[in-house]
Structures are given as structure tokens and as C-alpha cells.
Amino acid sequence: ALMTAAELRSPSARAQRLRVFYGLSSAEADLAVLLCCDGRSPQECAALRGVSIGTVRAQIKSIYTKTDVARAAQLTSLVMQT
């Protein structure tokens, strides 16, 4: 079944593509979407997900490594294109 353009841009679809294309874990992909699509801060993400800020920072570091980006703007660009 073909997906509509809106479905392809949905947060869950973006997270799925990040998992498939970049090998992100579910938690990392969901965090990337929260940061880049929802505009949440790391602190907001930690509170929303019920984890420590240290966990979020470790996941961000892992996301940057797996996606080969160095800055938040690069990650946002990658996520929005994915």
C-alpha cells in the first residue's frame, strides 16, 4: 500500500526510517524526532520520557555518531529530509 505524503512525514514514519537507514534504537529515533520535529529541549525530552538528562545526553551522542553529524542543525536537516 502506498503512503500519502502526510503519512510519510508523520513522527512515527520518520522514526522508523531513522531506525532502518541509520541503525538508531527506538529510543534514539524517538528522541531525534522529539528534538528535531517537535522542537523540544533535551531537558524537556528527559522529563517527557521519564529519564535522566544524562540518559538523553548519552543518546544524543550516540545519535550524532550513528548519523555522522556534528551539530544539532545538521541532525535537524537530516531528520526533516528522512
C-alpha atoms as a PDB file:
ATOM      1  CA  ALA A   1       0.000   0.000   0.000  1.00  0.00           C
ATOM      2  CA  LEU A   2       1.261   3.438  -0.849  1.00  0.00           C
ATOM      3  CA  MET A   3       1.560   6.032   1.883  1.00  0.00           C
ATOM      4  CA  THR A   4       0.349   9.586   1.483  1.00  0.00           C
ATOM      5  CA  ALA A   5       2.763  12.496   1.801  1.00  0.00           C
ATOM      6  CA  ALA A   6       1.328  13.335   5.232  1.00  0.00           C
ATOM      7  CA  GLU A   7       1.867   9.771   6.434  1.00  0.00           C
ATOM      8  CA  LEU A   8       5.471   9.846   5.197  1.00  0.00           C
ATOM      9  CA  ARG A   9       6.097  12.997   7.279  1.00  0.00           C
ATOM     10  CA  SER A  10       4.484  11.645  10.437  1.00  0.00           C
ATOM     11  CA  PRO A  11       6.739  11.383  13.503  1.00  0.00           C
ATOM     12  CA  SER A  12       6.385   7.612  13.627  1.00  0.00           C
ATOM     13  CA  ALA A  13       7.315   7.249   9.945  1.00  0.00           C
ATOM     14  CA  ARG A  14      10.365   9.489  10.414  1.00  0.00           C
ATOM     15  CA  ALA A  15      11.434   7.487  13.473  1.00  0.00           C
ATOM     16  CA  GLN A  16      11.026   4.224  11.561  1.00  0.00           C
ATOM     17  CA  ARG A  17      13.214   5.486   8.692  1.00  0.00           C
ATOM     18  CA  LEU A  18      15.878   6.640  11.160  1.00  0.00           C
ATOM     19  CA  ARG A  19      15.928   3.140  12.659  1.00  0.00           C
ATOM     20  CA  VAL A  20      16.181   1.489   9.249  1.00  0.00           C
ATOM     21  CA  PHE A  21      18.599   3.860   7.497  1.00  0.00           C
ATOM     22  CA  TYR A  22      20.903   4.785  10.396  1.00  0.00           C
ATOM     23  CA  GLY A  23      20.568   1.895  12.827  1.00  0.00           C
ATOM     24  CA  LEU A  24      19.154   4.020  15.632  1.00  0.00           C
ATOM     25  CA  SER A  25      17.435   2.269  18.510  1.00  0.00           C
ATOM     26  CA  SER A  26      13.748   3.011  19.021  1.00  0.00           C
ATOM     27  CA  ALA A  27      14.581   5.324  21.929  1.00  0.00           C
ATOM     28  CA  GLU A  28      17.219   7.190  19.886  1.00  0.00           C
ATOM     29  CA  ALA A  29      14.909   7.585  16.882  1.00  0.00           C
ATOM     30  CA  ASP A  30      12.048   8.824  19.047  1.00  0.00           C
ATOM     31  CA  LEU A  31      14.391  11.278  20.765  1.00  0.00           C
ATOM     32  CA  ALA A  32      15.673  12.598  17.429  1.00  0.00           C
ATOM     33  CA  VAL A  33      12.098  13.241  16.321  1.00  0.00           C
ATOM     34  CA  LEU A  34      11.250  14.995  19.598  1.00  0.00           C
ATOM     35  CA  LEU A  35      14.315  17.215  19.315  1.00  0.00           C
ATOM     36  CA  CYS A  36      14.104  17.993  15.618  1.00  0.00           C
ATOM     37  CA  CYS A  37      10.416  17.879  14.691  1.00  0.00           C
ATOM     38  CA  ASP A  38       8.788  18.888  17.945  1.00  0.00           C
ATOM     39  CA  GLY A  39      11.489  21.413  18.893  1.00  0.00           C
ATOM     40  CA  ARG A  40      11.865  20.025  22.406  1.00  0.00           C
ATOM     41  CA  SER A  41      14.944  20.747  24.503  1.00  0.00           C
ATOM     42  CA  PRO A  42      16.983  17.879  25.956  1.00  0.00           C
ATOM     43  CA  GLN A  43      15.590  18.760  29.391  1.00  0.00           C
ATOM     44  CA  GLU A  44      12.010  18.640  28.107  1.00  0.00           C
ATOM     45  CA  CYS A  45      12.702  15.300  26.416  1.00  0.00           C
ATOM     46  CA  ALA A  46      14.103  13.845  29.631  1.00  0.00           C
ATOM     47  CA  ALA A  47      11.058  14.957  31.631  1.00  0.00           C
ATOM     48  CA  LEU A  48       8.613  13.817  28.954  1.00  0.00           C
ATOM     49  CA  ARG A  49      10.223  10.379  28.668  1.00  0.00           C
ATOM     50  CA  GLY A  50      10.849   9.909  32.390  1.00  0.00           C
ATOM     51  CA  VAL A  51      14.615   9.505  32.060  1.00  0.00           C
ATOM     52  CA  SER A  52      17.575  11.466  33.360  1.00  0.00           C
ATOM     53  CA  ILE A  53      19.198  14.273  31.410  1.00  0.00           C
ATOM     54  CA  GLY A  54      22.348  12.121  31.412  1.00  0.00           C
ATOM     55  CA  THR A  55      20.482   9.399  29.523  1.00  0.00           C
ATOM     56  CA  VAL A  56      19.260  11.914  26.962  1.00  0.00           C
ATOM     57  CA  ARG A  57      22.758  13.336  26.511  1.00  0.00           C
ATOM     58  CA  ALA A  58      24.202   9.839  26.024  1.00  0.00           C
ATOM     59  CA  GLN A  59      21.518   9.067  23.449  1.00  0.00           C
ATOM     60  CA  ILE A  60      22.174  12.344  21.625  1.00  0.00           C
ATOM     61  CA  LYS A  61      25.880  11.496  21.463  1.00  0.00           C
ATOM     62  CA  SER A  62      25.019   8.065  20.055  1.00  0.00           C
ATOM     63  CA  ILE A  63      22.624   9.604  17.510  1.00  0.00           C
ATOM     64  CA  TYR A  64      25.326  12.015  16.317  1.00  0.00           C
ATOM     65  CA  THR A  65      27.799   9.141  15.941  1.00  0.00           C
ATOM     66  CA  LYS A  66      25.395   6.856  14.069  1.00  0.00           C
ATOM     67  CA  THR A  67      24.187   9.604  11.724  1.00  0.00           C
ATOM     68  CA  ASP A  68      27.653  11.138  11.290  1.00  0.00           C
ATOM     69  CA  VAL A  69      26.591  14.670  12.207  1.00  0.00           C
ATOM     70  CA  ALA A  70      28.371  17.166  14.445  1.00  0.00           C
ATOM     71  CA  ARG A  71      25.690  19.757  15.224  1.00  0.00           C
ATOM     72  CA  ALA A  72      22.015  19.963  16.115  1.00  0.00           C
ATOM     73  CA  ALA A  73      21.268  21.856  12.894  1.00  0.00           C
ATOM     74  CA  GLN A  74      22.752  19.030  10.833  1.00  0.00           C
ATOM     75  CA  LEU A  75      20.676  16.469  12.711  1.00  0.00           C
ATOM     76  CA  THR A  76      17.522  18.536  12.206  1.00  0.00           C
ATOM     77  CA  SER A  77      18.219  18.778   8.480  1.00  0.00           C
ATOM     78  CA  LEU A  78      18.789  15.025   8.278  1.00  0.00           C
ATOM     79  CA  VAL A  79      15.641  14.177  10.250  1.00  0.00           C
ATOM     80  CA  MET A  80      13.472  16.554   8.227  1.00  0.00           C
ATOM     81  CA  GLN A  81      14.731  15.016   4.967  1.00  0.00           C
ATOM     82  CA  THR A  82      14.280  11.447   6.204  1.00  0.00           C
END
